Amino acid sequence: MLFKRVVIGLILFPLSCLTIYVGGWPYAIAITTILGIAGWEYWRMLRNGGFTPSLILLVGGIVFMSLVQQLASNPRNDFTFSMLVLAVMTISVYRYELGQDQPACNFSLSLTGLVYLGWLGSYLIPLRNLPDGIWWVAAALPAAWLGDVGAFFVGSQIGKHRIAPRVSPRKSWEGYFGGLPFAMAWSIGLTWFAQSQVPTITPLKGAILGMVIGLTAPLGDLFESLLKREFGVKDTSNILPGHGGVMDRFDSTLWTGVVSYYLITLFLL
C-alpha cells in the first residue's frame, strides 16, 4: 500500500506542477475534471448511504460552476449557484412525483455537494488567475500536499493523542503539528525563490501562507473522513491505487484553494 501511494504521488506531483506552470484553460480544465470526478465519487457515496440524488445535476452543476470561474472576472458564483438551487428544487419535486423517496434529504445532500465541491473547489481557478498567480499556487498547493505527507509519517511514528477518534482514529495531534514544518518549509523556500522574479512575494509572506495552510488543510481531510463515516465507505473510489479516490487525495486541496485565495487577496497582495 505504501509503495503504491509513493508511486502515485511521484506521478501526480510533477503532472500537477506542470499544469500549474501552464495555467490558463489547461489548468482550469484539469481542475474542472478533478472536481467532476470528485462529484461522481460523492454521488456514489450518497448512493451507498441509500440516497438517490441526480448524478447529471450534481456533476454537471459542479463542472459548470468551475468553468464559470475561469470565464468570470472575479470569483463569484452567486448567479450560477442560485440557478442551480432552483434547478435542484424543481428536479426534486419532479422525481418525487415519479416515486422517489427522501426528496428533502436528496435536495439537501445535492446542495452540500454543490457547495463543497463546486463552490469551494472552484476557488482553485481564481487563485491561479491572481496577479503572479503561478507563484501563489506553487507556494500553496504543494505546501498542503507536503504537509499531509509530513503528518502521515510523523503521526505513524510518534502519534499517540487522537484529534477526533470517532471521525478518523489514526489522525493524531503529533501528526497534525508534525506536518506544519513541511508545509512552511515548502512555502518559504518557494517564495524565497520567487522573490527574485517578483519582489512583492517574500519569504515572510510564504511563512504566513504555509502556516495557515498547514493548520487548516488537515481539516479538509477530517471533514471528508466524516462523510465517509456517515455513508459507510472506506474510500470514495479506487481510481488512485494506494490513495483511494480523487476526494481522498484532494480533500485538503479543496480547503487550501479558498483559504489561500482570501488570505492572499486580503492580506498578502
C-alpha atoms as a PDB file:
ATOM      1  CA  MET A   1       0.000   0.000   0.000  1.00  0.00           C
ATOM      2  CA  LEU A   2       2.766   2.457   0.921  1.00  0.00           C
ATOM      3  CA  PHE A   3       4.658   1.605  -2.284  1.00  0.00           C
ATOM      4  CA  LYS A   4       1.587   2.309  -4.424  1.00  0.00           C
ATOM      5  CA  ARG A   5       0.964   5.527  -2.512  1.00  0.00           C
ATOM      6  CA  VAL A   6       4.504   6.739  -3.149  1.00  0.00           C
ATOM      7  CA  VAL A   7       4.459   5.785  -6.849  1.00  0.00           C
ATOM      8  CA  ILE A   8       1.165   7.561  -7.499  1.00  0.00           C
ATOM      9  CA  GLY A   9       2.436  10.573  -5.578  1.00  0.00           C
ATOM     10  CA  LEU A  10       5.595  10.701  -7.686  1.00  0.00           C
ATOM     11  CA  ILE A  11       3.460  10.657 -10.827  1.00  0.00           C
ATOM     12  CA  LEU A  12       0.870  13.189  -9.702  1.00  0.00           C
ATOM     13  CA  PHE A  13       3.291  15.740  -8.263  1.00  0.00           C
ATOM     14  CA  PRO A  14       5.179  16.604 -11.485  1.00  0.00           C
ATOM     15  CA  LEU A  15       1.952  16.500 -13.511  1.00  0.00           C
ATOM     16  CA  SER A  16       0.356  18.915 -11.059  1.00  0.00           C
ATOM     17  CA  CYS A  17       3.373  21.226 -11.170  1.00  0.00           C
ATOM     18  CA  LEU A  18       3.318  21.210 -14.990  1.00  0.00           C
ATOM     19  CA  THR A  19      -0.378  22.073 -15.036  1.00  0.00           C
ATOM     20  CA  ILE A  20       0.163  24.895 -12.542  1.00  0.00           C
ATOM     21  CA  TYR A  21       3.004  26.241 -14.693  1.00  0.00           C
ATOM     22  CA  VAL A  22       0.942  26.227 -17.896  1.00  0.00           C
ATOM     23  CA  GLY A  23      -2.102  27.823 -16.260  1.00  0.00           C
ATOM     24  CA  GLY A  24      -4.956  29.229 -18.327  1.00  0.00           C
ATOM     25  CA  TRP A  25      -7.510  26.862 -19.786  1.00  0.00           C
ATOM     26  CA  PRO A  26      -5.369  23.713 -19.430  1.00  0.00           C
ATOM     27  CA  TYR A  27      -5.198  24.365 -15.679  1.00  0.00           C
ATOM     28  CA  ALA A  28      -8.909  25.226 -15.491  1.00  0.00           C
ATOM     29  CA  ILE A  29      -9.868  22.090 -17.411  1.00  0.00           C
ATOM     30  CA  ALA A  30      -7.666  19.956 -15.152  1.00  0.00           C
ATOM     31  CA  ILE A  31      -9.298  21.419 -12.031  1.00  0.00           C
ATOM     32  CA  THR A  32     -12.753  21.031 -13.559  1.00  0.00           C
ATOM     33  CA  THR A  33     -12.054  17.396 -14.416  1.00  0.00           C
ATOM     34  CA  ILE A  34     -10.836  16.667 -10.891  1.00  0.00           C
ATOM     35  CA  LEU A  35     -13.899  18.317  -9.358  1.00  0.00           C
ATOM     36  CA  GLY A  36     -16.206  16.479 -11.766  1.00  0.00           C
ATOM     37  CA  ILE A  37     -14.715  13.110 -10.798  1.00  0.00           C
ATOM     38  CA  ALA A  38     -14.975  14.091  -7.140  1.00  0.00           C
ATOM     39  CA  GLY A  39     -18.647  14.896  -7.746  1.00  0.00           C
ATOM     40  CA  TRP A  40     -19.176  11.420  -9.177  1.00  0.00           C
ATOM     41  CA  GLU A  41     -17.460   9.906  -6.129  1.00  0.00           C
ATOM     42  CA  TYR A  42     -19.648  11.996  -3.849  1.00  0.00           C
ATOM     43  CA  TRP A  43     -22.731  10.736  -5.708  1.00  0.00           C
ATOM     44  CA  ARG A  44     -21.519   7.118  -5.313  1.00  0.00           C
ATOM     45  CA  MET A  45     -21.029   7.707  -1.601  1.00  0.00           C
ATOM     46  CA  LEU A  46     -24.565   9.039  -1.226  1.00  0.00           C
ATOM     47  CA  ARG A  47     -25.929   6.057  -3.141  1.00  0.00           C
ATOM     48  CA  ASN A  48     -24.109   3.773  -0.733  1.00  0.00           C
ATOM     49  CA  GLY A  49     -25.966   5.525   2.082  1.00  0.00           C
ATOM     50  CA  GLY A  50     -29.334   4.862   0.443  1.00  0.00           C
ATOM     51  CA  PHE A  51     -29.895   8.294  -1.139  1.00  0.00           C
ATOM     52  CA  THR A  52     -30.597   8.993  -4.805  1.00  0.00           C
ATOM     53  CA  PRO A  53     -29.509  12.473  -5.898  1.00  0.00           C
ATOM     54  CA  SER A  54     -29.379  13.349  -9.587  1.00  0.00           C
ATOM     55  CA  LEU A  55     -25.960  12.433 -10.997  1.00  0.00           C
ATOM     56  CA  ILE A  56     -26.329  14.732 -14.006  1.00  0.00           C
ATOM     57  CA  LEU A  57     -27.408  17.717 -11.941  1.00  0.00           C
ATOM     58  CA  LEU A  58     -24.766  17.169  -9.269  1.00  0.00           C
ATOM     59  CA  VAL A  59     -21.747  16.557 -11.501  1.00  0.00           C
ATOM     60  CA  GLY A  60     -22.979  18.932 -14.210  1.00  0.00           C
ATOM     61  CA  GLY A  61     -23.509  21.699 -11.653  1.00  0.00           C
ATOM     62  CA  ILE A  62     -20.028  21.232 -10.176  1.00  0.00           C
ATOM     63  CA  VAL A  63     -18.423  21.300 -13.618  1.00  0.00           C
ATOM     64  CA  PHE A  64     -20.433  24.337 -14.675  1.00  0.00           C
ATOM     65  CA  MET A  65     -19.519  26.303 -11.552  1.00  0.00           C
ATOM     66  CA  SER A  66     -15.870  25.532 -12.120  1.00  0.00           C
ATOM     67  CA  LEU A  67     -15.944  26.670 -15.748  1.00  0.00           C
ATOM     68  CA  VAL A  68     -17.743  29.871 -14.775  1.00  0.00           C
ATOM     69  CA  GLN A  69     -14.829  30.724 -12.515  1.00  0.00           C
ATOM     70  CA  GLN A  70     -12.477  30.618 -15.489  1.00  0.00           C
ATOM     71  CA  LEU A  71     -14.795  32.815 -17.551  1.00  0.00           C
ATOM     72  CA  ALA A  72     -15.671  35.283 -14.777  1.00  0.00           C
ATOM     73  CA  SER A  73     -13.624  38.355 -13.918  1.00  0.00           C
ATOM     74  CA  ASN A  74     -13.986  37.713 -10.187  1.00  0.00           C
ATOM     75  CA  PRO A  75     -14.565  34.597  -8.063  1.00  0.00           C
ATOM     76  CA  ARG A  76     -18.317  34.881  -7.702  1.00  0.00           C
ATOM     77  CA  ASN A  77     -20.721  32.065  -8.397  1.00  0.00           C
ATOM     78  CA  ASP A  78     -23.794  33.775  -6.942  1.00  0.00           C
ATOM     79  CA  PHE A  79     -25.944  33.681 -10.087  1.00  0.00           C
ATOM     80  CA  THR A  80     -24.764  30.216 -11.118  1.00  0.00           C
ATOM     81  CA  PHE A  81     -25.368  28.717  -7.690  1.00  0.00           C
ATOM     82  CA  SER A  82     -28.769  30.411  -7.355  1.00  0.00           C
ATOM     83  CA  MET A  83     -29.905  28.916 -10.664  1.00  0.00           C
ATOM     84  CA  LEU A  84     -28.605  25.502  -9.633  1.00  0.00           C
ATOM     85  CA  VAL A  85     -30.527  25.668  -6.349  1.00  0.00           C
ATOM     86  CA  LEU A  86     -33.727  26.389  -8.271  1.00  0.00           C
ATOM     87  CA  ALA A  87     -32.945  23.530 -10.663  1.00  0.00           C
ATOM     88  CA  VAL A  88     -32.379  21.098  -7.785  1.00  0.00           C
ATOM     89  CA  MET A  89     -35.681  22.198  -6.234  1.00  0.00           C
ATOM     90  CA  THR A  90     -37.528  21.608  -9.487  1.00  0.00           C
ATOM     91  CA  ILE A  91     -35.932  18.221 -10.126  1.00  0.00           C
ATOM     92  CA  SER A  92     -36.663  17.171  -6.522  1.00  0.00           C
ATOM     93  CA  VAL A  93     -40.389  17.838  -6.971  1.00  0.00           C
ATOM     94  CA  TYR A  94     -40.452  16.075 -10.337  1.00  0.00           C
ATOM     95  CA  ARG A  95     -38.585  12.989  -9.101  1.00  0.00           C
ATOM     96  CA  TYR A  96     -40.793  12.734  -6.008  1.00  0.00           C
ATOM     97  CA  GLU A  97     -43.851  12.652  -8.257  1.00  0.00           C
ATOM     98  CA  LEU A  98     -42.188   9.760 -10.100  1.00  0.00           C
ATOM     99  CA  GLY A  99     -41.986   7.828  -6.825  1.00  0.00           C
ATOM    100  CA  GLN A 100     -38.581   8.755  -5.423  1.00  0.00           C
ATOM    101  CA  ASP A 101     -38.295   8.635  -1.646  1.00  0.00           C
ATOM    102  CA  GLN A 102     -36.482  11.112   0.639  1.00  0.00           C
ATOM    103  CA  PRO A 103     -36.704  14.155  -1.668  1.00  0.00           C
ATOM    104  CA  ALA A 104     -35.784  16.642   1.075  1.00  0.00           C
ATOM    105  CA  CYS A 105     -32.663  14.671   2.037  1.00  0.00           C
ATOM    106  CA  ASN A 106     -31.627  14.308  -1.607  1.00  0.00           C
ATOM    107  CA  PHE A 107     -32.144  18.044  -2.095  1.00  0.00           C
ATOM    108  CA  SER A 108     -30.017  18.921   0.945  1.00  0.00           C
ATOM    109  CA  LEU A 109     -27.240  16.488   0.079  1.00  0.00           C
ATOM    110  CA  SER A 110     -27.137  17.714  -3.521  1.00  0.00           C
ATOM    111  CA  LEU A 111     -26.712  21.288  -2.313  1.00  0.00           C
ATOM    112  CA  THR A 112     -23.964  20.131   0.049  1.00  0.00           C
ATOM    113  CA  GLY A 113     -22.071  18.630  -2.879  1.00  0.00           C
ATOM    114  CA  LEU A 114     -22.515  21.751  -4.993  1.00  0.00           C
ATOM    115  CA  VAL A 115     -21.199  23.967  -2.186  1.00  0.00           C
ATOM    116  CA  TYR A 116     -18.399  21.663  -1.061  1.00  0.00           C
ATOM    117  CA  LEU A 117     -17.041  20.608  -4.444  1.00  0.00           C
ATOM    118  CA  GLY A 118     -18.446  23.205  -6.829  1.00  0.00           C
ATOM    119  CA  TRP A 119     -18.363  26.465  -4.911  1.00  0.00           C
ATOM    120  CA  LEU A 120     -15.334  25.915  -2.675  1.00  0.00           C
ATOM    121  CA  GLY A 121     -13.391  23.703  -5.075  1.00  0.00           C
ATOM    122  CA  SER A 122     -13.644  26.184  -7.920  1.00  0.00           C
ATOM    123  CA  TYR A 123     -11.617  28.751  -5.939  1.00  0.00           C
ATOM    124  CA  LEU A 124      -8.556  26.872  -7.175  1.00  0.00           C
ATOM    125  CA  ILE A 125      -9.104  28.571 -10.536  1.00  0.00           C
ATOM    126  CA  PRO A 126      -9.199  32.265  -9.482  1.00  0.00           C
ATOM    127  CA  LEU A 127      -6.264  31.502  -7.187  1.00  0.00           C
ATOM    128  CA  ARG A 128      -4.183  30.713 -10.292  1.00  0.00           C
ATOM    129  CA  ASN A 129      -5.607  33.765 -12.093  1.00  0.00           C
ATOM    130  CA  LEU A 130      -4.383  36.197  -9.443  1.00  0.00           C
ATOM    131  CA  PRO A 131      -1.535  38.558 -10.349  1.00  0.00           C
ATOM    132  CA  ASP A 132       1.580  36.347 -10.227  1.00  0.00           C
ATOM    133  CA  GLY A 133      -0.825  33.502  -9.524  1.00  0.00           C
ATOM    134  CA  ILE A 134       1.622  30.880 -10.727  1.00  0.00           C
ATOM    135  CA  TRP A 135       3.852  31.633  -7.738  1.00  0.00           C
ATOM    136  CA  TRP A 136       0.996  31.743  -5.241  1.00  0.00           C
ATOM    137  CA  VAL A 137      -0.421  28.418  -6.414  1.00  0.00           C
ATOM    138  CA  ALA A 138       3.049  26.882  -6.483  1.00  0.00           C
ATOM    139  CA  ALA A 139       3.568  28.033  -2.898  1.00  0.00           C
ATOM    140  CA  ALA A 140       0.140  26.997  -1.634  1.00  0.00           C
ATOM    141  CA  LEU A 141      -0.909  23.656  -3.129  1.00  0.00           C
ATOM    142  CA  PRO A 142       2.331  21.664  -2.697  1.00  0.00           C
ATOM    143  CA  ALA A 143       2.529  23.046   0.853  1.00  0.00           C
ATOM    144  CA  ALA A 144      -0.768  21.298   1.604  1.00  0.00           C
ATOM    145  CA  TRP A 145       0.393  18.086  -0.058  1.00  0.00           C
ATOM    146  CA  LEU A 146       3.756  18.001   1.706  1.00  0.00           C
ATOM    147  CA  GLY A 147       2.105  18.905   4.990  1.00  0.00           C
ATOM    148  CA  ASP A 148      -0.124  15.867   4.518  1.00  0.00           C
ATOM    149  CA  VAL A 149       2.912  13.674   3.787  1.00  0.00           C
ATOM    150  CA  GLY A 150       4.727  15.017   6.836  1.00  0.00           C
ATOM    151  CA  ALA A 151       1.684  14.478   9.046  1.00  0.00           C
ATOM    152  CA  PHE A 152       1.387  10.889   7.814  1.00  0.00           C
ATOM    153  CA  PHE A 153       4.994   9.967   8.608  1.00  0.00           C
ATOM    154  CA  VAL A 154       5.218  11.857  11.907  1.00  0.00           C
ATOM    155  CA  GLY A 155       1.852  10.550  13.045  1.00  0.00           C
ATOM    156  CA  SER A 156       2.662   6.961  12.107  1.00  0.00           C
ATOM    157  CA  GLN A 157       5.887   7.126  14.114  1.00  0.00           C
ATOM    158  CA  ILE A 158       5.013   9.008  17.296  1.00  0.00           C
ATOM    159  CA  GLY A 159       1.267   9.742  17.099  1.00  0.00           C
ATOM    160  CA  LYS A 160      -0.491   8.961  20.389  1.00  0.00           C
ATOM    161  CA  HIS A 161      -3.027  11.701  21.074  1.00  0.00           C
ATOM    162  CA  ARG A 162      -6.016  11.427  18.736  1.00  0.00           C
ATOM    163  CA  ILE A 163      -7.665  14.526  17.299  1.00  0.00           C
ATOM    164  CA  ALA A 164     -11.093  13.069  16.562  1.00  0.00           C
ATOM    165  CA  PRO A 165     -11.199   9.321  17.311  1.00  0.00           C
ATOM    166  CA  ARG A 166     -14.763   8.852  16.042  1.00  0.00           C
ATOM    167  CA  VAL A 167     -14.068  10.571  12.729  1.00  0.00           C
ATOM    168  CA  SER A 168     -10.533   9.386  11.996  1.00  0.00           C
ATOM    169  CA  PRO A 169      -8.909   7.139  14.624  1.00  0.00           C
ATOM    170  CA  ARG A 170      -5.436   7.405  13.060  1.00  0.00           C
ATOM    171  CA  LYS A 171      -5.217  11.202  12.980  1.00  0.00           C
ATOM    172  CA  SER A 172      -3.114  12.462  15.868  1.00  0.00           C
ATOM    173  CA  TRP A 173      -2.125  15.842  17.226  1.00  0.00           C
ATOM    174  CA  GLU A 174       1.502  14.838  16.783  1.00  0.00           C
ATOM    175  CA  GLY A 175       0.899  14.268  13.075  1.00  0.00           C
ATOM    176  CA  TYR A 176      -1.151  17.465  12.797  1.00  0.00           C
ATOM    177  CA  PHE A 177       1.636  19.666  14.136  1.00  0.00           C
ATOM    178  CA  GLY A 178       4.317  17.439  12.606  1.00  0.00           C
ATOM    179  CA  GLY A 179       3.084  18.296   9.132  1.00  0.00           C
ATOM    180  CA  LEU A 180       3.278  22.042   9.788  1.00  0.00           C
ATOM    181  CA  PRO A 181       7.085  22.379   9.296  1.00  0.00           C
ATOM    182  CA  PHE A 182       6.831  20.550   5.962  1.00  0.00           C
ATOM    183  CA  ALA A 183       4.158  22.946   4.700  1.00  0.00           C
ATOM    184  CA  MET A 184       6.036  26.018   5.911  1.00  0.00           C
ATOM    185  CA  ALA A 185       9.396  24.836   4.586  1.00  0.00           C
ATOM    186  CA  TRP A 186       7.982  24.473   1.089  1.00  0.00           C
ATOM    187  CA  SER A 187       6.157  27.806   1.006  1.00  0.00           C
ATOM    188  CA  ILE A 188       9.115  29.685   2.495  1.00  0.00           C
ATOM    189  CA  GLY A 189      11.549  28.082   0.050  1.00  0.00           C
ATOM    190  CA  LEU A 190       9.302  28.684  -2.943  1.00  0.00           C
ATOM    191  CA  THR A 191       8.652  32.340  -2.082  1.00  0.00           C
ATOM    192  CA  TRP A 192      12.361  32.887  -1.437  1.00  0.00           C
ATOM    193  CA  PHE A 193      12.987  31.658  -4.975  1.00  0.00           C
ATOM    194  CA  ALA A 194      10.041  33.655  -6.366  1.00  0.00           C
ATOM    195  CA  GLN A 195      11.285  36.894  -4.793  1.00  0.00           C
ATOM    196  CA  SER A 196      13.996  37.181  -7.431  1.00  0.00           C
ATOM    197  CA  GLN A 197      11.229  37.371 -10.048  1.00  0.00           C
ATOM    198  CA  VAL A 198       8.502  39.106  -8.042  1.00  0.00           C
ATOM    199  CA  PRO A 199       9.901  41.285  -5.209  1.00  0.00           C
ATOM    200  CA  THR A 200       6.495  41.613  -3.526  1.00  0.00           C
ATOM    201  CA  ILE A 201       6.354  37.865  -2.845  1.00  0.00           C
ATOM    202  CA  THR A 202       8.565  37.478   0.212  1.00  0.00           C
ATOM    203  CA  PRO A 203       9.590  34.550   2.429  1.00  0.00           C
ATOM    204  CA  LEU A 204       7.699  36.203   5.304  1.00  0.00           C
ATOM    205  CA  LYS A 205       4.505  36.026   3.272  1.00  0.00           C
ATOM    206  CA  GLY A 206       5.424  32.464   2.391  1.00  0.00           C
ATOM    207  CA  ALA A 207       5.802  31.620   6.073  1.00  0.00           C
ATOM    208  CA  ILE A 208       2.355  33.066   6.843  1.00  0.00           C
ATOM    209  CA  LEU A 209       0.806  31.229   3.909  1.00  0.00           C
ATOM    210  CA  GLY A 210       2.481  27.937   4.836  1.00  0.00           C
ATOM    211  CA  MET A 211       1.478  28.225   8.479  1.00  0.00           C
ATOM    212  CA  VAL A 212      -2.192  28.929   7.681  1.00  0.00           C
ATOM    213  CA  ILE A 213      -2.309  26.124   5.123  1.00  0.00           C
ATOM    214  CA  GLY A 214      -0.579  23.729   7.495  1.00  0.00           C
ATOM    215  CA  LEU A 215      -3.142  24.479  10.199  1.00  0.00           C
ATOM    216  CA  THR A 216      -6.293  24.470   8.041  1.00  0.00           C
ATOM    217  CA  ALA A 217      -5.730  21.942   5.240  1.00  0.00           C
ATOM    218  CA  PRO A 218      -5.964  18.900   7.588  1.00  0.00           C
ATOM    219  CA  LEU A 219      -9.498  19.987   8.453  1.00  0.00           C
ATOM    220  CA  GLY A 220     -10.486  19.171   4.885  1.00  0.00           C
ATOM    221  CA  ASP A 221      -9.203  15.643   5.402  1.00  0.00           C
ATOM    222  CA  LEU A 222     -11.191  15.306   8.622  1.00  0.00           C
ATOM    223  CA  PHE A 223     -14.393  16.562   7.009  1.00  0.00           C
ATOM    224  CA  GLU A 224     -14.087  14.075   4.169  1.00  0.00           C
ATOM    225  CA  SER A 225     -13.474  11.314   6.734  1.00  0.00           C
ATOM    226  CA  LEU A 226     -16.689  12.418   8.436  1.00  0.00           C
ATOM    227  CA  LEU A 227     -18.595  11.990   5.161  1.00  0.00           C
ATOM    228  CA  LYS A 228     -17.156   8.518   4.619  1.00  0.00           C
ATOM    229  CA  ARG A 229     -18.086   7.516   8.177  1.00  0.00           C
ATOM    230  CA  GLU A 230     -21.597   8.818   7.681  1.00  0.00           C
ATOM    231  CA  PHE A 231     -22.145   6.875   4.459  1.00  0.00           C
ATOM    232  CA  GLY A 232     -20.172   3.748   5.343  1.00  0.00           C
ATOM    233  CA  VAL A 233     -17.344   3.763   2.791  1.00  0.00           C
ATOM    234  CA  LYS A 234     -13.617   3.298   3.252  1.00  0.00           C
ATOM    235  CA  ASP A 235     -12.537   5.072   0.071  1.00  0.00           C
ATOM    236  CA  THR A 236     -14.584   7.234  -2.263  1.00  0.00           C
ATOM    237  CA  SER A 237     -13.353   5.108  -5.211  1.00  0.00           C
ATOM    238  CA  ASN A 238     -10.259   3.152  -6.309  1.00  0.00           C
ATOM    239  CA  ILE A 239      -9.159   5.436  -9.144  1.00  0.00           C
ATOM    240  CA  LEU A 240      -5.808   6.195  -7.491  1.00  0.00           C
ATOM    241  CA  PRO A 241      -4.153   2.989  -6.177  1.00  0.00           C
ATOM    242  CA  GLY A 242      -2.879   3.476  -2.657  1.00  0.00           C
ATOM    243  CA  HIS A 243      -4.825   6.712  -2.257  1.00  0.00           C
ATOM    244  CA  GLY A 244      -8.396   5.675  -2.986  1.00  0.00           C
ATOM    245  CA  GLY A 245     -10.376   8.241  -4.910  1.00  0.00           C
ATOM    246  CA  VAL A 246      -9.920  11.805  -6.061  1.00  0.00           C
ATOM    247  CA  MET A 247     -11.767  13.090  -2.985  1.00  0.00           C
ATOM    248  CA  ASP A 248      -9.437  11.056  -0.772  1.00  0.00           C
ATOM    249  CA  ARG A 249      -6.376  12.654  -2.365  1.00  0.00           C
ATOM    250  CA  PHE A 250      -7.590  16.219  -2.852  1.00  0.00           C
ATOM    251  CA  ASP A 251      -9.749  16.762   0.226  1.00  0.00           C
ATOM    252  CA  SER A 252      -7.221  19.106   1.834  1.00  0.00           C
ATOM    253  CA  THR A 253      -6.659  20.867  -1.513  1.00  0.00           C
ATOM    254  CA  LEU A 254     -10.304  21.999  -1.528  1.00  0.00           C
ATOM    255  CA  TRP A 255      -9.711  23.895   1.689  1.00  0.00           C
ATOM    256  CA  THR A 256      -6.354  25.189   0.505  1.00  0.00           C
ATOM    257  CA  GLY A 257      -7.832  26.867  -2.574  1.00  0.00           C
ATOM    258  CA  VAL A 258     -10.402  29.020  -0.814  1.00  0.00           C
ATOM    259  CA  VAL A 259      -8.302  29.702   2.311  1.00  0.00           C
ATOM    260  CA  SER A 260      -5.266  30.702   0.221  1.00  0.00           C
ATOM    261  CA  TYR A 261      -7.304  32.887  -2.118  1.00  0.00           C
ATOM    262  CA  TYR A 262      -8.748  35.023   0.661  1.00  0.00           C
ATOM    263  CA  LEU A 263      -5.568  35.080   2.730  1.00  0.00           C
ATOM    264  CA  ILE A 264      -3.595  36.288  -0.288  1.00  0.00           C
ATOM    265  CA  THR A 265      -6.113  38.814  -1.613  1.00  0.00           C
ATOM    266  CA  LEU A 266      -6.981  40.300   1.784  1.00  0.00           C
ATOM    267  CA  PHE A 267      -3.566  40.333   3.486  1.00  0.00           C
ATOM    268  CA  LEU A 268      -0.629  39.307   1.293  1.00  0.00           C
ATOM    269  CA  LEU A 269      -1.018  41.089  -2.053  1.00  0.00           C
END
